[in-house]
Amino acid sequence: MNICLYGSGSRKIDKNYTDAAYELGCQIAERGHTLVFGGGDTGMMGACAKGVHDNNGSSIGIAPKWINDFEPLCERCSEFIYVDTMDERKNNFLKYSDAFIISPGGIGTLDEFFEIITLKKLKRHDKPIIVFNIDNFYDKMLEMIDEMAEKGFLYKQEEIFHIANSIDEIFDYLR
């Protein structure tokens, strides 16, 4: 299975988050899956990719060449797909992935998360989406989504994504 990871590339992330991302990468590799990600070598993306590569796993990095002006790109990817735009990058994430994991991140991660759940709601795909809620990182966002549903801003409340607080929960859901 090709598993796409959305997550921050920031170098300022607390170690407990990047440790969890590294362990996720180890598990992706040990279970024979391939990591699909934004190609970054730092933050959540870089830590997960390092876990994959340290365990002889496969990865597909997808990024525009110019992103290297903002963050270093991972040089250990099994395959790297260069694109021109962020939209093209997100389209390739959808094309090459069988499931999506949203790890802690910033604005870019939220953009990717909301786009992938919107596309699922609009029946453009039916792939699993998992919010990896490390140390309750996404609790406030999830409360906001619940409130949106309670107030009628979301159509029929159905499970579009799954919330996992541990790596075991992620892989139990993907089975």
Protein backbone atom coordinates (compact mmCIF):
# COMPACT_ATOMS: atom_id res chain seq x y z
CA MET A 1 0.00 0.00 0.00
CA ASN A 2 1.21 3.52 -0.78
CA ILE A 3 0.63 5.68 2.28
CA CYS A 4 0.75 9.46 1.90
CA LEU A 5 1.94 11.48 4.89
CA TYR A 6 0.93 15.11 5.24
CA GLY A 7 2.92 16.95 7.89
CA SER A 8 5.13 19.89 8.67
CA GLY A 9 8.64 20.32 7.34
CA SER A 10 9.54 22.76 10.12
CA ARG A 11 12.83 22.36 11.97
CA LYS A 12 11.32 23.84 15.15
CA ILE A 13 9.05 20.89 16.02
CA ASP A 14 9.21 19.37 19.49
CA LYS A 15 11.08 16.05 19.50
CA ASN A 16 8.08 14.04 20.73
CA TYR A 17 6.34 14.76 17.40
CA THR A 18 9.30 13.90 15.20
CA ASP A 19 9.99 10.76 17.27
CA ALA A 20 6.42 9.62 16.57
CA ALA A 21 6.86 10.41 12.87
CA TYR A 22 10.12 8.44 12.78
CA GLU A 23 8.41 5.44 14.42
CA LEU A 24 5.55 5.72 11.92
CA GLY A 25 8.12 5.57 9.11
CA CYS A 26 9.71 2.49 10.70
CA GLN A 27 6.32 0.79 10.82
CA ILE A 28 5.47 1.75 7.23
CA ALA A 29 8.69 0.08 6.07
CA GLU A 30 8.44 -2.96 8.35
CA ARG A 31 4.90 -3.63 7.13
CA GLY A 32 6.00 -3.47 3.49
CA HIS A 33 4.24 -0.23 2.57
CA THR A 34 5.63 2.70 0.57
CA LEU A 35 5.72 6.26 1.90
CA VAL A 36 4.41 9.00 -0.40
CA PHE A 37 5.24 12.47 0.89
CA GLY A 38 6.20 16.03 0.05
CA GLY A 39 9.86 15.14 -0.26
CA GLY A 40 11.09 17.28 2.62
CA ASP A 41 14.10 16.21 4.66
CA THR A 42 13.10 18.01 7.87
CA GLY A 43 10.22 18.08 10.34
CA MET A 44 7.50 15.46 10.32
CA MET A 45 8.12 14.57 6.68
CA GLY A 46 11.86 14.15 7.12
CA ALA A 47 11.53 12.14 10.34
CA CYS A 48 9.02 9.74 8.79
CA ALA A 49 11.16 9.34 5.67
CA LYS A 50 14.24 8.64 7.82
CA GLY A 51 12.28 5.90 9.62
CA VAL A 52 11.32 4.38 6.27
CA HIS A 53 14.84 4.55 4.84
CA ASP A 54 16.54 3.32 8.03
CA ASN A 55 14.41 0.18 7.70
CA ASN A 56 15.09 -0.38 3.99
CA GLY A 57 11.66 0.84 2.96
CA SER A 58 10.53 2.60 -0.18
CA SER A 59 9.46 6.20 -0.59
CA ILE A 60 8.13 8.49 -3.28
CA GLY A 61 8.87 12.18 -2.79
CA ILE A 62 6.76 14.69 -4.72
CA ALA A 63 7.69 18.37 -4.80
CA PRO A 64 8.30 21.34 -7.05
CA LYS A 65 12.01 22.02 -7.50
CA TRP A 66 11.61 25.54 -6.13
CA ILE A 67 10.47 24.23 -2.72
CA ASN A 68 14.16 23.58 -2.05
CA ASP A 69 14.42 27.36 -1.49
CA PHE A 70 12.32 26.86 1.68
CA GLU A 71 13.35 23.44 2.95
CA PRO A 72 15.91 20.80 1.95
CA LEU A 73 14.65 17.86 -0.08
CA CYS A 74 15.22 14.25 0.91
CA GLU A 75 17.99 12.67 -1.13
CA ARG A 76 17.26 9.07 -0.08
CA CYS A 77 13.89 8.66 -1.81
CA SER A 78 13.41 5.56 -3.92
CA GLU A 79 11.72 7.80 -6.47
CA PHE A 80 11.33 11.56 -6.71
CA ILE A 81 8.68 13.24 -8.84
CA TYR A 82 9.31 16.89 -9.62
CA VAL A 83 6.27 19.02 -10.42
CA ASP A 84 5.76 22.68 -11.29
CA THR A 85 3.03 23.70 -8.83
CA MET A 86 1.62 22.84 -5.41
CA ASP A 87 -1.68 21.87 -7.07
CA GLU A 88 0.17 19.41 -9.28
CA ARG A 89 1.89 18.06 -6.17
CA LYS A 90 -1.44 17.49 -4.41
CA ASN A 91 -2.92 15.85 -7.52
CA ASN A 92 0.04 13.46 -7.58
CA PHE A 93 -0.42 12.67 -3.89
CA LEU A 94 -3.95 11.56 -4.74
CA LYS A 95 -2.81 9.66 -7.83
CA TYR A 96 0.02 7.72 -6.16
CA SER A 97 -1.54 7.07 -2.73
CA ASP A 98 -3.90 4.43 -1.37
CA ALA A 99 -4.35 6.08 2.06
CA PHE A 100 -3.56 9.41 3.76
CA ILE A 101 -2.18 10.16 7.21
CA ILE A 102 -2.39 13.71 8.48
CA SER A 103 0.33 14.26 11.08
CA PRO A 104 0.83 17.52 13.00
CA GLY A 105 1.59 20.42 10.73
CA GLY A 106 0.87 24.01 9.83
CA ILE A 107 -1.04 25.85 7.13
CA GLY A 108 0.24 23.65 4.28
CA THR A 109 -0.79 20.48 6.12
CA LEU A 110 -4.24 21.92 6.86
CA ASP A 111 -4.61 22.87 3.18
CA GLU A 112 -3.79 19.30 2.14
CA PHE A 113 -6.07 17.81 4.80
CA PHE A 114 -9.11 19.93 3.95
CA GLU A 115 -8.64 19.36 0.23
CA ILE A 116 -8.38 15.58 0.57
CA ILE A 117 -11.47 15.35 2.81
CA THR A 118 -13.40 17.68 0.48
CA LEU A 119 -12.51 15.46 -2.49
CA LYS A 120 -13.68 12.41 -0.55
CA LYS A 121 -16.94 14.13 0.40
CA LEU A 122 -17.44 14.98 -3.29
CA LYS A 123 -16.79 11.31 -4.17
CA ARG A 124 -13.59 11.98 -6.15
CA HIS A 125 -11.94 9.18 -4.16
CA ASP A 126 -12.79 6.68 -1.42
CA LYS A 127 -9.38 6.24 0.18
CA PRO A 128 -8.85 6.08 3.95
CA ILE A 129 -7.88 9.34 5.66
CA ILE A 130 -6.42 9.22 9.16
CA VAL A 131 -5.70 12.13 11.46
CA PHE A 132 -2.67 11.12 13.55
CA ASN A 133 -3.54 13.08 16.69
CA ILE A 134 -0.17 12.94 18.45
CA ASP A 135 -0.47 14.36 21.99
CA ASN A 136 -3.98 15.68 21.15
CA PHE A 137 -2.47 18.10 18.61
CA TYR A 138 -5.67 18.27 16.53
CA ASP A 139 -8.23 18.35 19.38
CA LYS A 140 -9.21 22.00 18.85
CA MET A 141 -9.60 21.53 15.09
CA LEU A 142 -11.72 18.43 15.65
CA GLU A 143 -13.89 20.36 18.13
CA MET A 144 -14.36 23.06 15.50
CA ILE A 145 -15.39 20.47 12.88
CA ASP A 146 -17.88 18.96 15.37
CA GLU A 147 -19.31 22.42 16.06
CA MET A 148 -19.63 23.10 12.33
CA ALA A 149 -21.66 19.90 12.02
CA GLU A 150 -23.81 20.70 15.07
CA LYS A 151 -24.64 24.13 13.63
CA GLY A 152 -25.56 22.73 10.21
CA PHE A 153 -22.57 24.00 8.24
CA LEU A 154 -21.61 20.49 7.24
CA TYR A 155 -23.98 18.27 5.35
CA LYS A 156 -24.88 14.82 6.59
CA GLN A 157 -22.38 13.88 9.29
CA GLU A 158 -20.64 10.73 8.13
CA GLU A 159 -17.20 9.34 8.72
CA ILE A 160 -14.95 10.94 6.14
CA PHE A 161 -11.81 10.53 8.20
CA HIS A 162 -10.64 8.49 11.17
CA ILE A 163 -8.83 9.79 14.25
CA ALA A 164 -5.89 7.76 15.59
CA ASN A 165 -3.94 8.58 18.72
CA SER A 166 -1.29 5.90 18.17
CA ILE A 167 0.54 4.12 15.39
CA ASP A 168 -1.19 0.85 16.28
CA GLU A 169 -4.57 2.55 15.80
CA ILE A 170 -3.46 3.74 12.35
CA PHE A 171 -2.57 0.26 11.14
CA ASP A 172 -5.58 -1.37 12.82
CA TYR A 173 -7.78 1.01 10.82
CA LEU A 174 -5.91 0.36 7.55
CA ARG A 175 -6.35 -3.41 7.84
